[in-house]
């Protein structure tokens, strides 16, 4: 039940912002849409799906500026709290998908310090 409510909420956010516009800063809705396939992994653990990893790679490609990386950090922290993501799974996600990033999902990180 918790998962379906989270998916419904994230879907609504995603519908509000569907496409990344290269001249504008990325929005939380856009990021959430990219990572929607990762909900099962970050809440239950195991292995991320290929769709999830594709989303992680999309986020990496869409967060080229400091502003975008800080937005992504703040968004990830907010959404992780809403869906009660496992901290270990969330932090391990980029590595499990073969992606290197400076964006942390650690609830203690100050997103304003992201380079």
PDB file of N, CA and C in Angstrom:
ATOM      1  N   UNK A   1       0.826  -1.187   0.000  1.00  0.00           N
ATOM      2  CA  UNK A   1       0.000   0.000   0.000  1.00  0.00           C
ATOM      3  C   UNK A   1       0.872   1.254   0.000  1.00  0.00           C
ATOM      4  N   UNK A   2       1.892   1.283   0.877  1.00  0.00           N
ATOM      5  CA  UNK A   2       2.782   2.437   0.972  1.00  0.00           C
ATOM      6  C   UNK A   2       3.435   2.700  -0.383  1.00  0.00           C
ATOM      7  N   UNK A   3       3.866   1.649  -1.054  1.00  0.00           N
ATOM      8  CA  UNK A   3       4.513   1.794  -2.350  1.00  0.00           C
ATOM      9  C   UNK A   3       3.592   2.352  -3.409  1.00  0.00           C
ATOM     10  N   UNK A   4       2.337   1.905  -3.414  1.00  0.00           N
ATOM     11  CA  UNK A   4       1.407   2.387  -4.431  1.00  0.00           C
ATOM     12  C   UNK A   4       1.047   3.850  -4.209  1.00  0.00           C
ATOM     13  N   UNK A   5       0.963   4.280  -2.963  1.00  0.00           N
ATOM     14  CA  UNK A   5       0.694   5.685  -2.673  1.00  0.00           C
ATOM     15  C   UNK A   5       1.878   6.531  -3.123  1.00  0.00           C
ATOM     16  N   UNK A   6       3.093   6.069  -2.833  1.00  0.00           N
ATOM     17  CA  UNK A   6       4.292   6.803  -3.235  1.00  0.00           C
ATOM     18  C   UNK A   6       4.379   6.882  -4.753  1.00  0.00           C
ATOM     19  N   UNK A   7       4.083   5.799  -5.429  1.00  0.00           N
ATOM     20  CA  UNK A   7       4.126   5.792  -6.890  1.00  0.00           C
ATOM     21  C   UNK A   7       3.100   6.762  -7.449  1.00  0.00           C
ATOM     22  N   UNK A   8       1.909   6.781  -6.874  1.00  0.00           N
ATOM     23  CA  UNK A   8       0.874   7.702  -7.338  1.00  0.00           C
ATOM     24  C   UNK A   8       1.316   9.149  -7.148  1.00  0.00           C
ATOM     25  N   UNK A   9       1.906   9.448  -5.984  1.00  0.00           N
ATOM     26  CA  UNK A   9       2.378  10.812  -5.734  1.00  0.00           C
ATOM     27  C   UNK A   9       3.474  11.196  -6.708  1.00  0.00           C
ATOM     28  N   UNK A  10       4.416  10.298  -6.911  1.00  0.00           N
ATOM     29  CA  UNK A  10       5.533  10.590  -7.805  1.00  0.00           C
ATOM     30  C   UNK A  10       5.070  10.711  -9.251  1.00  0.00           C
ATOM     31  N   UNK A  11       4.093   9.928  -9.630  1.00  0.00           N
ATOM     32  CA  UNK A  11       3.551  10.006 -10.987  1.00  0.00           C
ATOM     33  C   UNK A  11       2.906  11.367 -11.219  1.00  0.00           C
ATOM     34  N   UNK A  12       2.167  11.858 -10.229  1.00  0.00           N
ATOM     35  CA  UNK A  12       1.528  13.164 -10.367  1.00  0.00           C
ATOM     36  C   UNK A  12       2.573  14.270 -10.496  1.00  0.00           C
ATOM     37  N   UNK A  13       3.647  14.180  -9.712  1.00  0.00           N
ATOM     38  CA  UNK A  13       4.723  15.166  -9.805  1.00  0.00           C
ATOM     39  C   UNK A  13       5.342  15.118 -11.192  1.00  0.00           C
ATOM     40  N   UNK A  14       5.566  13.904 -11.671  1.00  0.00           N
ATOM     41  CA  UNK A  14       6.198  13.715 -12.970  1.00  0.00           C
ATOM     42  C   UNK A  14       5.337  14.276 -14.092  1.00  0.00           C
ATOM     43  N   UNK A  15       4.043  14.068 -14.004  1.00  0.00           N
ATOM     44  CA  UNK A  15       3.143  14.549 -15.048  1.00  0.00           C
ATOM     45  C   UNK A  15       3.196  16.072 -15.154  1.00  0.00           C
ATOM     46  N   UNK A  16       3.509  16.745 -14.069  1.00  0.00           N
ATOM     47  CA  UNK A  16       3.584  18.201 -14.086  1.00  0.00           C
ATOM     48  C   UNK A  16       4.782  18.697 -14.886  1.00  0.00           C
ATOM     49  N   UNK A  17       5.866  17.936 -14.889  1.00  0.00           N
ATOM     50  CA  UNK A  17       7.079  18.316 -15.600  1.00  0.00           C
ATOM     51  C   UNK A  17       7.635  17.110 -16.337  1.00  0.00           C
ATOM     52  N   UNK A  18       7.395  17.003 -17.607  1.00  0.00           N
ATOM     53  CA  UNK A  18       7.756  15.796 -18.332  1.00  0.00           C
ATOM     54  C   UNK A  18       9.130  15.869 -18.988  1.00  0.00           C
ATOM     55  N   UNK A  19       9.472  16.969 -19.604  1.00  0.00           N
ATOM     56  CA  UNK A  19      10.699  17.015 -20.371  1.00  0.00           C
ATOM     57  C   UNK A  19      11.715  17.957 -19.746  1.00  0.00           C
ATOM     58  N   UNK A  20      12.985  17.568 -19.813  1.00  0.00           N
ATOM     59  CA  UNK A  20      14.066  18.417 -19.338  1.00  0.00           C
ATOM     60  C   UNK A  20      14.359  19.438 -20.433  1.00  0.00           C
ATOM     61  N   UNK A  21      14.362  20.700 -20.056  1.00  0.00           N
ATOM     62  CA  UNK A  21      14.677  21.763 -20.996  1.00  0.00           C
ATOM     63  C   UNK A  21      16.109  22.215 -20.727  1.00  0.00           C
ATOM     64  N   UNK A  22      17.009  22.084 -21.702  1.00  0.00           N
ATOM     65  CA  UNK A  22      18.418  22.352 -21.469  1.00  0.00           C
ATOM     66  C   UNK A  22      18.744  23.778 -21.034  1.00  0.00           C
ATOM     67  N   UNK A  23      17.884  24.754 -21.316  1.00  0.00           N
ATOM     68  CA  UNK A  23      18.180  26.132 -20.947  1.00  0.00           C
ATOM     69  C   UNK A  23      17.667  26.477 -19.559  1.00  0.00           C
ATOM     70  N   UNK A  24      16.955  25.581 -18.923  1.00  0.00           N
ATOM     71  CA  UNK A  24      16.407  25.852 -17.605  1.00  0.00           C
ATOM     72  C   UNK A  24      16.948  24.853 -16.597  1.00  0.00           C
ATOM     73  N   UNK A  25      16.945  25.263 -15.342  1.00  0.00           N
ATOM     74  CA  UNK A  25      17.373  24.350 -14.282  1.00  0.00           C
ATOM     75  C   UNK A  25      16.397  23.179 -14.212  1.00  0.00           C
ATOM     76  N   UNK A  26      16.915  22.035 -13.859  1.00  0.00           N
ATOM     77  CA  UNK A  26      16.094  20.834 -13.744  1.00  0.00           C
ATOM     78  C   UNK A  26      15.173  20.965 -12.529  1.00  0.00           C
ATOM     79  N   UNK A  27      13.986  20.394 -12.623  1.00  0.00           N
ATOM     80  CA  UNK A  27      13.037  20.468 -11.510  1.00  0.00           C
ATOM     81  C   UNK A  27      13.001  19.142 -10.756  1.00  0.00           C
ATOM     82  N   UNK A  28      12.468  19.202  -9.563  1.00  0.00           N
ATOM     83  CA  UNK A  28      12.326  17.992  -8.760  1.00  0.00           C
ATOM     84  C   UNK A  28      11.381  17.007  -9.454  1.00  0.00           C
ATOM     85  N   UNK A  29      10.356  17.522 -10.094  1.00  0.00           N
ATOM     86  CA  UNK A  29       9.423  16.646 -10.814  1.00  0.00           C
ATOM     87  C   UNK A  29      10.106  15.873 -11.927  1.00  0.00           C
ATOM     88  N   UNK A  30      10.996  16.542 -12.647  1.00  0.00           N
ATOM     89  CA  UNK A  30      11.733  15.880 -13.723  1.00  0.00           C
ATOM     90  C   UNK A  30      12.642  14.794 -13.162  1.00  0.00           C
ATOM     91  N   UNK A  31      13.337  15.117 -12.083  1.00  0.00           N
ATOM     92  CA  UNK A  31      14.228  14.138 -11.455  1.00  0.00           C
ATOM     93  C   UNK A  31      13.439  12.941 -10.925  1.00  0.00           C
ATOM     94  N   UNK A  32      12.329  13.233 -10.305  1.00  0.00           N
ATOM     95  CA  UNK A  32      11.499  12.164  -9.752  1.00  0.00           C
ATOM     96  C   UNK A  32      11.030  11.226 -10.857  1.00  0.00           C
ATOM     97  N   UNK A  33      10.650  11.797 -11.977  1.00  0.00           N
ATOM     98  CA  UNK A  33      10.211  10.976 -13.107  1.00  0.00           C
ATOM     99  C   UNK A  33      11.311  10.049 -13.607  1.00  0.00           C
ATOM    100  N   UNK A  34      12.534  10.552 -13.629  1.00  0.00           N
ATOM    101  CA  UNK A  34      13.662   9.743 -14.079  1.00  0.00           C
ATOM    102  C   UNK A  34      13.930   8.579 -13.134  1.00  0.00           C
ATOM    103  N   UNK A  35      13.691   8.808 -11.836  1.00  0.00           N
ATOM    104  CA  UNK A  35      14.022   7.790 -10.837  1.00  0.00           C
ATOM    105  C   UNK A  35      12.822   6.964 -10.390  1.00  0.00           C
ATOM    106  N   UNK A  36      11.674   7.189 -10.970  1.00  0.00           N
ATOM    107  CA  UNK A  36      10.468   6.442 -10.610  1.00  0.00           C
ATOM    108  C   UNK A  36      10.672   4.927 -10.647  1.00  0.00           C
ATOM    109  N   UNK A  37      11.403   4.380 -11.633  1.00  0.00           N
ATOM    110  CA  UNK A  37      11.606   2.928 -11.659  1.00  0.00           C
ATOM    111  C   UNK A  37      12.475   2.399 -10.517  1.00  0.00           C
ATOM    112  N   UNK A  38      13.046   3.287  -9.697  1.00  0.00           N
ATOM    113  CA  UNK A  38      13.945   2.866  -8.611  1.00  0.00           C
ATOM    114  C   UNK A  38      13.233   2.706  -7.270  1.00  0.00           C
ATOM    115  N   UNK A  39      11.955   2.994  -7.208  1.00  0.00           N
ATOM    116  CA  UNK A  39      11.254   2.965  -5.921  1.00  0.00           C
ATOM    117  C   UNK A  39      11.349   1.602  -5.255  1.00  0.00           C
ATOM    118  N   UNK A  40      11.098   0.538  -5.987  1.00  0.00           N
ATOM    119  CA  UNK A  40      11.176  -0.794  -5.384  1.00  0.00           C
ATOM    120  C   UNK A  40      12.551  -1.060  -4.806  1.00  0.00           C
ATOM    121  N   UNK A  41      13.589  -0.690  -5.547  1.00  0.00           N
ATOM    122  CA  UNK A  41      14.951  -0.939  -5.070  1.00  0.00           C
ATOM    123  C   UNK A  41      15.259  -0.146  -3.801  1.00  0.00           C
ATOM    124  N   UNK A  42      14.950   1.150  -3.779  1.00  0.00           N
ATOM    125  CA  UNK A  42      15.340   1.962  -2.619  1.00  0.00           C
ATOM    126  C   UNK A  42      14.478   1.694  -1.386  1.00  0.00           C
ATOM    127  N   UNK A  43      13.316   1.076  -1.571  1.00  0.00           N
ATOM    128  CA  UNK A  43      12.490   0.753  -0.408  1.00  0.00           C
ATOM    129  C   UNK A  43      12.689  -0.679   0.066  1.00  0.00           C
ATOM    130  N   UNK A  44      13.101  -1.575  -0.836  1.00  0.00           N
ATOM    131  CA  UNK A  44      13.211  -2.997  -0.484  1.00  0.00           C
ATOM    132  C   UNK A  44      14.609  -3.566  -0.602  1.00  0.00           C
ATOM    133  N   UNK A  45      15.498  -2.895  -1.318  1.00  0.00           N
ATOM    134  CA  UNK A  45      16.841  -3.421  -1.522  1.00  0.00           C
ATOM    135  C   UNK A  45      16.888  -4.395  -2.684  1.00  0.00           C
ATOM    136  N   UNK A  46      17.872  -5.253  -2.672  1.00  0.00           N
ATOM    137  CA  UNK A  46      18.048  -6.208  -3.772  1.00  0.00           C
ATOM    138  C   UNK A  46      18.950  -5.615  -4.830  1.00  0.00           C
ATOM    139  N   UNK A  47      18.532  -5.741  -6.077  1.00  0.00           N
ATOM    140  CA  UNK A  47      19.288  -5.199  -7.206  1.00  0.00           C
ATOM    141  C   UNK A  47      18.409  -4.225  -7.976  1.00  0.00           C
ATOM    142  N   UNK A  48      18.964  -3.098  -8.406  1.00  0.00           N
ATOM    143  CA  UNK A  48      18.168  -2.157  -9.198  1.00  0.00           C
ATOM    144  C   UNK A  48      17.885  -2.730 -10.588  1.00  0.00           C
ATOM    145  N   UNK A  49      16.719  -2.413 -11.124  1.00  0.00           N
ATOM    146  CA  UNK A  49      16.350  -2.871 -12.466  1.00  0.00           C
ATOM    147  C   UNK A  49      17.123  -2.079 -13.519  1.00  0.00           C
ATOM    148  N   UNK A  50      17.123  -2.572 -14.727  1.00  0.00           N
ATOM    149  CA  UNK A  50      17.774  -1.864 -15.825  1.00  0.00           C
ATOM    150  C   UNK A  50      17.088  -0.522 -16.060  1.00  0.00           C
ATOM    151  N   UNK A  51      15.747  -0.478 -15.945  1.00  0.00           N
ATOM    152  CA  UNK A  51      15.028   0.791 -16.096  1.00  0.00           C
ATOM    153  C   UNK A  51      15.447   1.788 -15.021  1.00  0.00           C
ATOM    154  N   UNK A  52      15.651   1.302 -13.806  1.00  0.00           N
ATOM    155  CA  UNK A  52      16.114   2.149 -12.721  1.00  0.00           C
ATOM    156  C   UNK A  52      17.489   2.720 -13.069  1.00  0.00           C
ATOM    157  N   UNK A  53      18.407   1.867 -13.482  1.00  0.00           N
ATOM    158  CA  UNK A  53      19.758   2.323 -13.823  1.00  0.00           C
ATOM    159  C   UNK A  53      19.742   3.286 -15.005  1.00  0.00           C
ATOM    160  N   UNK A  54      18.854   3.065 -15.958  1.00  0.00           N
ATOM    161  CA  UNK A  54      18.717   4.018 -17.062  1.00  0.00           C
ATOM    162  C   UNK A  54      18.300   5.381 -16.524  1.00  0.00           C
ATOM    163  N   UNK A  55      17.405   5.397 -15.542  1.00  0.00           N
ATOM    164  CA  UNK A  55      16.986   6.642 -14.915  1.00  0.00           C
ATOM    165  C   UNK A  55      18.125   7.323 -14.182  1.00  0.00           C
ATOM    166  N   UNK A  56      18.939   6.539 -13.485  1.00  0.00           N
ATOM    167  CA  UNK A  56      20.103   7.088 -12.782  1.00  0.00           C
ATOM    168  C   UNK A  56      21.061   7.731 -13.784  1.00  0.00           C
ATOM    169  N   UNK A  57      21.275   7.084 -14.916  1.00  0.00           N
ATOM    170  CA  UNK A  57      22.146   7.645 -15.950  1.00  0.00           C
ATOM    171  C   UNK A  57      21.541   8.929 -16.533  1.00  0.00           C
ATOM    172  N   UNK A  58      20.220   8.961 -16.672  1.00  0.00           N
ATOM    173  CA  UNK A  58      19.556  10.174 -17.159  1.00  0.00           C
ATOM    174  C   UNK A  58      19.759  11.327 -16.174  1.00  0.00           C
ATOM    175  N   UNK A  59      19.648  11.027 -14.888  1.00  0.00           N
ATOM    176  CA  UNK A  59      19.863  12.063 -13.869  1.00  0.00           C
ATOM    177  C   UNK A  59      21.295  12.585 -13.957  1.00  0.00           C
ATOM    178  N   UNK A  60      22.247  11.670 -14.095  1.00  0.00           N
ATOM    179  CA  UNK A  60      23.645  12.100 -14.206  1.00  0.00           C
ATOM    180  C   UNK A  60      23.820  13.039 -15.400  1.00  0.00           C
ATOM    181  N   UNK A  61      23.234  12.694 -16.524  1.00  0.00           N
ATOM    182  CA  UNK A  61      23.356  13.531 -17.721  1.00  0.00           C
ATOM    183  C   UNK A  61      22.625  14.861 -17.603  1.00  0.00           C
ATOM    184  N   UNK A  62      21.585  14.905 -16.778  1.00  0.00           N
ATOM    185  CA  UNK A  62      20.771  16.112 -16.649  1.00  0.00           C
ATOM    186  C   UNK A  62      21.237  17.042 -15.537  1.00  0.00           C
ATOM    187  N   UNK A  63      22.257  16.638 -14.797  1.00  0.00           N
ATOM    188  CA  UNK A  63      22.720  17.452 -13.667  1.00  0.00           C
ATOM    189  C   UNK A  63      24.166  17.886 -13.899  1.00  0.00           C
ATOM    190  N   UNK A  64      24.355  18.659 -14.943  1.00  0.00           N
ATOM    191  CA  UNK A  64      25.705  19.092 -15.313  1.00  0.00           C
ATOM    192  C   UNK A  64      26.143  20.359 -14.587  1.00  0.00           C
ATOM    193  N   UNK A  65      25.190  21.151 -14.072  1.00  0.00           N
ATOM    194  CA  UNK A  65      25.562  22.385 -13.373  1.00  0.00           C
ATOM    195  C   UNK A  65      25.467  22.183 -11.860  1.00  0.00           C
ATOM    196  N   UNK A  66      26.139  23.050 -11.126  1.00  0.00           N
ATOM    197  CA  UNK A  66      26.076  22.989  -9.670  1.00  0.00           C
ATOM    198  C   UNK A  66      24.635  23.174  -9.200  1.00  0.00           C
ATOM    199  N   UNK A  67      23.915  24.096  -9.815  1.00  0.00           N
ATOM    200  CA  UNK A  67      22.519  24.340  -9.438  1.00  0.00           C
ATOM    201  C   UNK A  67      21.685  23.072  -9.618  1.00  0.00           C
ATOM    202  N   UNK A  68      21.876  22.376 -10.727  1.00  0.00           N
ATOM    203  CA  UNK A  68      21.137  21.139 -10.982  1.00  0.00           C
ATOM    204  C   UNK A  68      21.495  20.060  -9.963  1.00  0.00           C
ATOM    205  N   UNK A  69      22.785  19.932  -9.633  1.00  0.00           N
ATOM    206  CA  UNK A  69      23.201  18.923  -8.655  1.00  0.00           C
ATOM    207  C   UNK A  69      22.640  19.232  -7.268  1.00  0.00           C
ATOM    208  N   UNK A  70      22.607  20.511  -6.891  1.00  0.00           N
ATOM    209  CA  UNK A  70      22.047  20.878  -5.600  1.00  0.00           C
ATOM    210  C   UNK A  70      20.536  20.643  -5.576  1.00  0.00           C
ATOM    211  N   UNK A  71      19.863  20.945  -6.676  1.00  0.00           N
ATOM    212  CA  UNK A  71      18.426  20.667  -6.786  1.00  0.00           C
ATOM    213  C   UNK A  71      18.176  19.170  -6.673  1.00  0.00           C
ATOM    214  N   UNK A  72      18.990  18.381  -7.352  1.00  0.00           N
ATOM    215  CA  UNK A  72      18.839  16.927  -7.310  1.00  0.00           C
ATOM    216  C   UNK A  72      19.034  16.397  -5.895  1.00  0.00           C
ATOM    217  N   UNK A  73      20.009  16.933  -5.184  1.00  0.00           N
ATOM    218  CA  UNK A  73      20.276  16.517  -3.806  1.00  0.00           C
ATOM    219  C   UNK A  73      19.066  16.819  -2.921  1.00  0.00           C
ATOM    220  N   UNK A  74      18.557  18.031  -3.002  1.00  0.00           N
ATOM    221  CA  UNK A  74      17.402  18.432  -2.188  1.00  0.00           C
ATOM    222  C   UNK A  74      16.174  17.589  -2.528  1.00  0.00           C
ATOM    223  N   UNK A  75      15.977  17.348  -3.795  1.00  0.00           N
ATOM    224  CA  UNK A  75      14.848  16.541  -4.237  1.00  0.00           C
ATOM    225  C   UNK A  75      14.980  15.109  -3.732  1.00  0.00           C
ATOM    226  N   UNK A  76      16.171  14.537  -3.887  1.00  0.00           N
ATOM    227  CA  UNK A  76      16.396  13.153  -3.454  1.00  0.00           C
ATOM    228  C   UNK A  76      16.146  13.012  -1.962  1.00  0.00           C
ATOM    229  N   UNK A  77      16.617  13.976  -1.183  1.00  0.00           N
ATOM    230  CA  UNK A  77      16.398  13.930   0.269  1.00  0.00           C
ATOM    231  C   UNK A  77      14.906  13.997   0.587  1.00  0.00           C
ATOM    232  N   UNK A  78      14.190  14.859  -0.097  1.00  0.00           N
ATOM    233  CA  UNK A  78      12.764  15.031   0.159  1.00  0.00           C
ATOM    234  C   UNK A  78      11.972  13.773  -0.206  1.00  0.00           C
ATOM    235  N   UNK A  79      12.203  13.270  -1.420  1.00  0.00           N
ATOM    236  CA  UNK A  79      11.473  12.091  -1.880  1.00  0.00           C
ATOM    237  C   UNK A  79      11.851  10.861  -1.063  1.00  0.00           C
ATOM    238  N   UNK A  80      13.126  10.715  -0.733  1.00  0.00           N
ATOM    239  CA  UNK A  80      13.564   9.566   0.066  1.00  0.00           C
ATOM    240  C   UNK A  80      12.830   9.538   1.400  1.00  0.00           C
ATOM    241  N   UNK A  81      12.625  10.712   1.993  1.00  0.00           N
ATOM    242  CA  UNK A  81      11.884  10.769   3.250  1.00  0.00           C
ATOM    243  C   UNK A  81      10.417  10.411   3.076  1.00  0.00           C
ATOM    244  N   UNK A  82       9.816  10.859   1.963  1.00  0.00           N
ATOM    245  CA  UNK A  82       8.394  10.568   1.715  1.00  0.00           C
ATOM    246  C   UNK A  82       8.143   9.081   1.516  1.00  0.00           C
ATOM    247  N   UNK A  83       9.043   8.414   0.820  1.00  0.00           N
ATOM    248  CA  UNK A  83       8.808   6.994   0.523  1.00  0.00           C
ATOM    249  C   UNK A  83       9.514   6.073   1.506  1.00  0.00           C
ATOM    250  N   UNK A  84      10.161   6.658   2.508  1.00  0.00           N
ATOM    251  CA  UNK A  84      10.894   5.909   3.523  1.00  0.00           C
ATOM    252  C   UNK A  84      11.935   4.980   2.884  1.00  0.00           C
ATOM    253  N   UNK A  85      12.761   5.591   2.050  1.00  0.00           N
ATOM    254  CA  UNK A  85      13.817   4.846   1.357  1.00  0.00           C
ATOM    255  C   UNK A  85      14.854   4.358   2.362  1.00  0.00           C
ATOM    256  N   UNK A  86      15.385   3.188   2.091  1.00  0.00           N
ATOM    257  CA  UNK A  86      16.491   2.656   2.894  1.00  0.00           C
ATOM    258  C   UNK A  86      17.742   3.443   2.536  1.00  0.00           C
ATOM    259  N   UNK A  87      18.397   4.023   3.540  1.00  0.00           N
ATOM    260  CA  UNK A  87      19.583   4.852   3.304  1.00  0.00           C
ATOM    261  C   UNK A  87      20.686   4.070   2.597  1.00  0.00           C
ATOM    262  N   UNK A  88      20.886   2.807   2.983  1.00  0.00           N
ATOM    263  CA  UNK A  88      21.945   2.019   2.358  1.00  0.00           C
ATOM    264  C   UNK A  88      21.656   1.791   0.878  1.00  0.00           C
ATOM    265  N   UNK A  89      20.421   1.470   0.558  1.00  0.00           N
ATOM    266  CA  UNK A  89      20.059   1.222  -0.842  1.00  0.00           C
ATOM    267  C   UNK A  89      20.170   2.506  -1.662  1.00  0.00           C
ATOM    268  N   UNK A  90      19.685   3.617  -1.120  1.00  0.00           N
ATOM    269  CA  UNK A  90      19.733   4.890  -1.838  1.00  0.00           C
ATOM    270  C   UNK A  90      21.176   5.314  -2.097  1.00  0.00           C
ATOM    271  N   UNK A  91      22.040   5.200  -1.103  1.00  0.00           N
ATOM    272  CA  UNK A  91      23.433   5.601  -1.267  1.00  0.00           C
ATOM    273  C   UNK A  91      24.200   4.668  -2.197  1.00  0.00           C
ATOM    274  N   UNK A  92      23.819   3.389  -2.239  1.00  0.00           N
ATOM    275  CA  UNK A  92      24.507   2.419  -3.097  1.00  0.00           C
ATOM    276  C   UNK A  92      24.020   2.449  -4.547  1.00  0.00           C
ATOM    277  N   UNK A  93      22.883   3.094  -4.794  1.00  0.00           N
ATOM    278  CA  UNK A  93      22.262   3.049  -6.118  1.00  0.00           C
ATOM    279  C   UNK A  93      23.187   3.493  -7.250  1.00  0.00           C
ATOM    280  N   UNK A  94      23.814   4.660  -7.181  1.00  0.00           N
ATOM    281  CA  UNK A  94      24.671   5.045  -8.322  1.00  0.00           C
ATOM    282  C   UNK A  94      25.756   4.008  -8.609  1.00  0.00           C
ATOM    283  N   UNK A  95      26.433   3.532  -7.581  1.00  0.00           N
ATOM    284  CA  UNK A  95      27.494   2.541  -7.780  1.00  0.00           C
ATOM    285  C   UNK A  95      26.982   1.248  -8.375  1.00  0.00           C
ATOM    286  N   UNK A  96      25.806   0.807  -7.936  1.00  0.00           N
ATOM    287  CA  UNK A  96      25.237  -0.433  -8.475  1.00  0.00           C
ATOM    288  C   UNK A  96      24.856  -0.272  -9.935  1.00  0.00           C
ATOM    289  N   UNK A  97      24.645   0.973 -10.354  1.00  0.00           N
ATOM    290  CA  UNK A  97      24.314   1.237 -11.755  1.00  0.00           C
ATOM    291  C   UNK A  97      25.543   1.677 -12.557  1.00  0.00           C
ATOM    292  N   UNK A  98      26.720   1.662 -11.921  1.00  0.00           N
ATOM    293  CA  UNK A  98      27.941   2.027 -12.619  1.00  0.00           C
ATOM    294  C   UNK A  98      28.068   3.515 -12.896  1.00  0.00           C
ATOM    295  N   UNK A  99      27.467   4.335 -12.036  1.00  0.00           N
ATOM    296  CA  UNK A  99      27.482   5.777 -12.225  1.00  0.00           C
ATOM    297  C   UNK A  99      28.240   6.421 -11.066  1.00  0.00           C
ATOM    298  N   UNK A 100      29.120   7.358 -11.387  1.00  0.00           N
ATOM    299  CA  UNK A 100      29.841   8.113 -10.373  1.00  0.00           C
ATOM    300  C   UNK A 100      29.203   9.493 -10.277  1.00  0.00           C
ATOM    301  N   UNK A 101      28.840   9.910  -9.060  1.00  0.00           N
ATOM    302  CA  UNK A 101      28.176  11.200  -8.883  1.00  0.00           C
ATOM    303  C   UNK A 101      28.567  11.838  -7.562  1.00  0.00           C
ATOM    304  N   UNK A 102      28.471  13.152  -7.505  1.00  0.00           N
ATOM    305  CA  UNK A 102      28.725  13.870  -6.253  1.00  0.00           C
ATOM    306  C   UNK A 102      27.424  14.163  -5.518  1.00  0.00           C
ATOM    307  N   UNK A 103      26.310  13.698  -6.059  1.00  0.00           N
ATOM    308  CA  UNK A 103      25.005  13.925  -5.439  1.00  0.00           C
ATOM    309  C   UNK A 103      24.777  12.857  -4.381  1.00  0.00           C
ATOM    310  N   UNK A 104      24.545  13.303  -3.153  1.00  0.00           N
ATOM    311  CA  UNK A 104      24.342  12.376  -2.048  1.00  0.00           C
ATOM    312  C   UNK A 104      22.869  12.329  -1.655  1.00  0.00           C
ATOM    313  N   UNK A 105      22.435  11.165  -1.185  1.00  0.00           N
ATOM    314  CA  UNK A 105      21.066  11.020  -0.694  1.00  0.00           C
ATOM    315  C   UNK A 105      21.091  10.894   0.830  1.00  0.00           C
ATOM    316  N   UNK A 106      22.219  11.122   1.418  1.00  0.00           N
ATOM    317  CA  UNK A 106      22.374  11.068   2.869  1.00  0.00           C
ATOM    318  C   UNK A 106      21.542  12.180   3.506  1.00  0.00           C
ATOM    319  N   UNK A 107      20.657  11.852   4.466  1.00  0.00           N
ATOM    320  CA  UNK A 107      19.806  12.882   5.078  1.00  0.00           C
ATOM    321  C   UNK A 107      20.613  13.958   5.824  1.00  0.00           C
ATOM    322  N   UNK A 108      21.856  13.663   6.166  1.00  0.00           N
ATOM    323  CA  UNK A 108      22.663  14.616   6.918  1.00  0.00           C
ATOM    324  C   UNK A 108      23.449  15.574   6.027  1.00  0.00           C
ATOM    325  N   UNK A 109      23.485  15.328   4.732  1.00  0.00           N
ATOM    326  CA  UNK A 109      24.295  16.165   3.829  1.00  0.00           C
ATOM    327  C   UNK A 109      23.660  17.542   3.662  1.00  0.00           C
ATOM    328  N   UNK A 110      24.498  18.555   3.587  1.00  0.00           N
ATOM    329  CA  UNK A 110      24.052  19.914   3.290  1.00  0.00           C
ATOM    330  C   UNK A 110      24.132  20.070   1.769  1.00  0.00           C
ATOM    331  N   UNK A 111      22.986  20.049   1.119  1.00  0.00           N
ATOM    332  CA  UNK A 111      22.951  20.087  -0.350  1.00  0.00           C
ATOM    333  C   UNK A 111      23.576  21.356  -0.914  1.00  0.00           C
ATOM    334  N   UNK A 112      23.641  22.418  -0.130  1.00  0.00           N
ATOM    335  CA  UNK A 112      24.240  23.654  -0.608  1.00  0.00           C
ATOM    336  C   UNK A 112      25.757  23.549  -0.754  1.00  0.00           C
ATOM    337  N   UNK A 113      26.354  22.472  -0.238  1.00  0.00           N
ATOM    338  CA  UNK A 113      27.806  22.284  -0.372  1.00  0.00           C
ATOM    339  C   UNK A 113      28.175  21.391  -1.551  1.00  0.00           C
ATOM    340  N   UNK A 114      27.191  20.892  -2.280  1.00  0.00           N
ATOM    341  CA  UNK A 114      27.455  20.051  -3.450  1.00  0.00           C
ATOM    342  C   UNK A 114      28.166  20.897  -4.512  1.00  0.00           C
ATOM    343  N   UNK A 115      29.311  20.416  -5.009  1.00  0.00           N
ATOM    344  CA  UNK A 115      30.054  21.207  -6.018  1.00  0.00           C
ATOM    345  C   UNK A 115      29.385  21.204  -7.381  1.00  0.00           C
TER     346      UNK A 115
END
